[in-house]
């Protein structure tokens, strides 16, 4: 019987050799493990994203605070208020006080304009680190 088995295993016709079967199984196992490791690997942790404060303010303003201006108008005016060469800290503080007064004045006939200007100047002051006049 052992001779028959050796003769059977020794033939290359028809039946697969044991070594070939083991090699095939090892290849399939390696492929399955590689797929498993690729799928099961944890996603790399993303580094914390530091958002641009100007873009954050724009997003916040356009998301819910601005009533009258278009995004292009807001960006243009906002850039002016952010630029210290365009508006000094003192000018920014004075504009903030002026528009805050208009927001709270029921006689002012353009409340949406007052709201939008106050919000833009307020955000610009926060980004520039300018403190408002006392009481605002």
C-alpha atoms as a PDB file:
ATOM      1  CA  UNK A   1       0.000   0.000   0.000  1.00  0.00           C
ATOM      2  CA  UNK A   2       2.834   2.416   0.775  1.00  0.00           C
ATOM      3  CA  UNK A   3       4.305   1.707  -2.607  1.00  0.00           C
ATOM      4  CA  UNK A   4       1.001   2.522  -4.288  1.00  0.00           C
ATOM      5  CA  UNK A   5       0.809   5.787  -2.357  1.00  0.00           C
ATOM      6  CA  UNK A   6       4.384   6.710  -3.252  1.00  0.00           C
ATOM      7  CA  UNK A   7       3.748   5.851  -6.883  1.00  0.00           C
ATOM      8  CA  UNK A   8       0.551   7.956  -6.851  1.00  0.00           C
ATOM      9  CA  UNK A   9       2.304  10.916  -5.250  1.00  0.00           C
ATOM     10  CA  UNK A  10       5.265  10.550  -7.583  1.00  0.00           C
ATOM     11  CA  UNK A  11       3.202  10.917 -10.739  1.00  0.00           C
ATOM     12  CA  UNK A  12       2.821  14.380 -12.213  1.00  0.00           C
ATOM     13  CA  UNK A  13      -0.169  13.526 -14.319  1.00  0.00           C
ATOM     14  CA  UNK A  14      -3.670  14.319 -13.245  1.00  0.00           C
ATOM     15  CA  UNK A  15      -3.399  14.667  -9.504  1.00  0.00           C
ATOM     16  CA  UNK A  16      -1.927  17.716  -7.815  1.00  0.00           C
ATOM     17  CA  UNK A  17       1.192  17.173  -5.811  1.00  0.00           C
ATOM     18  CA  UNK A  18       0.989  17.708  -2.054  1.00  0.00           C
ATOM     19  CA  UNK A  19       3.602  20.471  -2.214  1.00  0.00           C
ATOM     20  CA  UNK A  20       1.519  22.321  -4.787  1.00  0.00           C
ATOM     21  CA  UNK A  21      -1.581  22.042  -2.613  1.00  0.00           C
ATOM     22  CA  UNK A  22       0.302  23.355   0.424  1.00  0.00           C
ATOM     23  CA  UNK A  23       1.775  26.195  -1.627  1.00  0.00           C
ATOM     24  CA  UNK A  24      -1.672  27.106  -2.973  1.00  0.00           C
ATOM     25  CA  UNK A  25      -3.219  27.048   0.491  1.00  0.00           C
ATOM     26  CA  UNK A  26      -0.362  29.159   1.873  1.00  0.00           C
ATOM     27  CA  UNK A  27      -0.850  31.693  -0.924  1.00  0.00           C
ATOM     28  CA  UNK A  28      -4.598  31.923  -0.293  1.00  0.00           C
ATOM     29  CA  UNK A  29      -4.040  32.287   3.473  1.00  0.00           C
ATOM     30  CA  UNK A  30      -1.454  35.033   2.893  1.00  0.00           C
ATOM     31  CA  UNK A  31      -3.842  36.894   0.575  1.00  0.00           C
ATOM     32  CA  UNK A  32      -6.722  36.611   3.052  1.00  0.00           C
ATOM     33  CA  UNK A  33      -4.501  37.849   5.887  1.00  0.00           C
ATOM     34  CA  UNK A  34      -3.285  40.784   3.796  1.00  0.00           C
ATOM     35  CA  UNK A  35      -6.853  41.780   2.967  1.00  0.00           C
ATOM     36  CA  UNK A  36      -7.875  41.407   6.605  1.00  0.00           C
ATOM     37  CA  UNK A  37      -4.982  43.549   7.818  1.00  0.00           C
ATOM     38  CA  UNK A  38      -5.727  46.219   5.222  1.00  0.00           C
ATOM     39  CA  UNK A  39      -9.427  46.339   6.041  1.00  0.00           C
ATOM     40  CA  UNK A  40      -9.044  46.026   9.816  1.00  0.00           C
ATOM     41  CA  UNK A  41      -6.202  48.528  10.187  1.00  0.00           C
ATOM     42  CA  UNK A  42      -7.280  51.604  12.121  1.00  0.00           C
ATOM     43  CA  UNK A  43      -7.403  54.799  10.141  1.00  0.00           C
ATOM     44  CA  UNK A  44      -4.498  57.081  10.880  1.00  0.00           C
ATOM     45  CA  UNK A  45      -5.439  59.861  13.246  1.00  0.00           C
ATOM     46  CA  UNK A  46      -5.788  63.139  11.483  1.00  0.00           C
ATOM     47  CA  UNK A  47      -3.782  66.012  12.818  1.00  0.00           C
ATOM     48  CA  UNK A  48      -5.935  68.706  14.338  1.00  0.00           C
ATOM     49  CA  UNK A  49      -6.903  71.160  11.656  1.00  0.00           C
ATOM     50  CA  UNK A  50      -6.236  74.761  12.456  1.00  0.00           C
ATOM     51  CA  UNK A  51      -8.879  76.753  10.690  1.00  0.00           C
ATOM     52  CA  UNK A  52      -8.203  80.202   9.387  1.00  0.00           C
ATOM     53  CA  UNK A  53      -9.947  82.637  11.767  1.00  0.00           C
ATOM     54  CA  UNK A  54     -11.066  84.778   8.837  1.00  0.00           C
ATOM     55  CA  UNK A  55     -12.723  81.805   7.133  1.00  0.00           C
ATOM     56  CA  UNK A  56     -14.313  80.695  10.408  1.00  0.00           C
ATOM     57  CA  UNK A  57     -15.734  84.177  10.919  1.00  0.00           C
ATOM     58  CA  UNK A  58     -16.973  84.321   7.304  1.00  0.00           C
ATOM     59  CA  UNK A  59     -18.664  80.966   7.698  1.00  0.00           C
ATOM     60  CA  UNK A  60     -20.280  81.979  10.960  1.00  0.00           C
ATOM     61  CA  UNK A  61     -21.463  85.332   9.620  1.00  0.00           C
ATOM     62  CA  UNK A  62     -22.876  83.962   6.376  1.00  0.00           C
ATOM     63  CA  UNK A  63     -24.386  80.966   8.126  1.00  0.00           C
ATOM     64  CA  UNK A  64     -26.809  82.833  10.312  1.00  0.00           C
ATOM     65  CA  UNK A  65     -25.873  86.373  11.267  1.00  0.00           C
ATOM     66  CA  UNK A  66     -25.775  88.468   8.082  1.00  0.00           C
ATOM     67  CA  UNK A  67     -29.136  89.691   6.833  1.00  0.00           C
ATOM     68  CA  UNK A  68     -28.482  92.046   3.943  1.00  0.00           C
ATOM     69  CA  UNK A  69     -25.077  91.632   2.290  1.00  0.00           C
ATOM     70  CA  UNK A  70     -23.926  89.001  -0.200  1.00  0.00           C
ATOM     71  CA  UNK A  71     -20.881  86.865   0.640  1.00  0.00           C
ATOM     72  CA  UNK A  72     -18.744  88.919  -1.762  1.00  0.00           C
ATOM     73  CA  UNK A  73     -19.792  92.174  -0.102  1.00  0.00           C
ATOM     74  CA  UNK A  74     -19.145  90.738   3.343  1.00  0.00           C
ATOM     75  CA  UNK A  75     -15.689  89.465   2.357  1.00  0.00           C
ATOM     76  CA  UNK A  76     -14.732  92.809   0.818  1.00  0.00           C
ATOM     77  CA  UNK A  77     -15.854  94.868   3.806  1.00  0.00           C
ATOM     78  CA  UNK A  78     -14.478  92.346   6.277  1.00  0.00           C
ATOM     79  CA  UNK A  79     -11.031  92.449   4.647  1.00  0.00           C
ATOM     80  CA  UNK A  80     -11.089  96.235   4.944  1.00  0.00           C
ATOM     81  CA  UNK A  81     -11.828  96.051   8.667  1.00  0.00           C
ATOM     82  CA  UNK A  82      -9.169  93.386   9.211  1.00  0.00           C
ATOM     83  CA  UNK A  83      -6.427  95.442   7.549  1.00  0.00           C
ATOM     84  CA  UNK A  84      -4.767  97.809  10.061  1.00  0.00           C
ATOM     85  CA  UNK A  85      -3.601  99.945   7.124  1.00  0.00           C
ATOM     86  CA  UNK A  86      -7.226 100.497   6.119  1.00  0.00           C
ATOM     87  CA  UNK A  87      -8.688 100.989   9.599  1.00  0.00           C
ATOM     88  CA  UNK A  88      -6.666 101.788  12.681  1.00  0.00           C
ATOM     89  CA  UNK A  89      -7.619 100.229  16.007  1.00  0.00           C
ATOM     90  CA  UNK A  90      -9.150 103.531  17.047  1.00  0.00           C
ATOM     91  CA  UNK A  91     -11.208 103.801  13.851  1.00  0.00           C
ATOM     92  CA  UNK A  92     -12.374 100.228  14.294  1.00  0.00           C
ATOM     93  CA  UNK A  93     -13.422 100.866  17.900  1.00  0.00           C
ATOM     94  CA  UNK A  94     -15.285 104.025  16.915  1.00  0.00           C
ATOM     95  CA  UNK A  95     -17.090 102.271  14.049  1.00  0.00           C
ATOM     96  CA  UNK A  96     -18.022  99.466  16.449  1.00  0.00           C
ATOM     97  CA  UNK A  97     -19.507 101.962  18.903  1.00  0.00           C
ATOM     98  CA  UNK A  98     -21.381 103.802  16.119  1.00  0.00           C
ATOM     99  CA  UNK A  99     -22.961 100.659  14.645  1.00  0.00           C
ATOM    100  CA  UNK A 100     -23.746  99.240  18.090  1.00  0.00           C
ATOM    101  CA  UNK A 101     -25.688 102.420  18.784  1.00  0.00           C
ATOM    102  CA  UNK A 102     -27.573 102.085  15.512  1.00  0.00           C
ATOM    103  CA  UNK A 103     -28.458  98.449  16.224  1.00  0.00           C
ATOM    104  CA  UNK A 104     -30.044  99.487  19.506  1.00  0.00           C
ATOM    105  CA  UNK A 105     -31.773 102.593  18.108  1.00  0.00           C
ATOM    106  CA  UNK A 106     -35.395 101.883  17.089  1.00  0.00           C
ATOM    107  CA  UNK A 107     -35.414 105.159  15.118  1.00  0.00           C
ATOM    108  CA  UNK A 108     -32.623 103.991  12.789  1.00  0.00           C
ATOM    109  CA  UNK A 109     -34.409 103.093   9.546  1.00  0.00           C
ATOM    110  CA  UNK A 110     -31.997 100.389   8.284  1.00  0.00           C
ATOM    111  CA  UNK A 111     -31.790  97.793  11.049  1.00  0.00           C
ATOM    112  CA  UNK A 112     -30.452  95.032   8.750  1.00  0.00           C
ATOM    113  CA  UNK A 113     -27.579  97.252   7.628  1.00  0.00           C
ATOM    114  CA  UNK A 114     -26.804  98.164  11.241  1.00  0.00           C
ATOM    115  CA  UNK A 115     -26.883  94.489  12.229  1.00  0.00           C
ATOM    116  CA  UNK A 116     -24.567  93.421   9.409  1.00  0.00           C
ATOM    117  CA  UNK A 117     -22.050  96.218   9.933  1.00  0.00           C
ATOM    118  CA  UNK A 118     -21.937  95.657  13.687  1.00  0.00           C
ATOM    119  CA  UNK A 119     -21.387  91.915  13.238  1.00  0.00           C
ATOM    120  CA  UNK A 120     -18.596  92.360  10.679  1.00  0.00           C
ATOM    121  CA  UNK A 121     -16.799  94.948  12.792  1.00  0.00           C
ATOM    122  CA  UNK A 122     -17.253  92.857  15.942  1.00  0.00           C
ATOM    123  CA  UNK A 123     -15.682  89.794  14.287  1.00  0.00           C
ATOM    124  CA  UNK A 124     -12.846  91.900  12.871  1.00  0.00           C
ATOM    125  CA  UNK A 125     -12.117  93.348  16.302  1.00  0.00           C
ATOM    126  CA  UNK A 126     -11.960  89.882  17.865  1.00  0.00           C
ATOM    127  CA  UNK A 127      -9.572  88.634  15.186  1.00  0.00           C
ATOM    128  CA  UNK A 128      -7.353  91.711  15.490  1.00  0.00           C
ATOM    129  CA  UNK A 129      -7.482  91.602  19.291  1.00  0.00           C
ATOM    130  CA  UNK A 130      -8.977  95.091  19.615  1.00  0.00           C
ATOM    131  CA  UNK A 131     -11.053  95.750  22.724  1.00  0.00           C
ATOM    132  CA  UNK A 132     -14.341  97.633  22.253  1.00  0.00           C
ATOM    133  CA  UNK A 133     -15.142 100.865  24.045  1.00  0.00           C
ATOM    134  CA  UNK A 134     -16.200 100.364  27.629  1.00  0.00           C
ATOM    135  CA  UNK A 135     -19.851  99.428  28.022  1.00  0.00           C
ATOM    136  CA  UNK A 136     -20.165  97.586  24.687  1.00  0.00           C
END
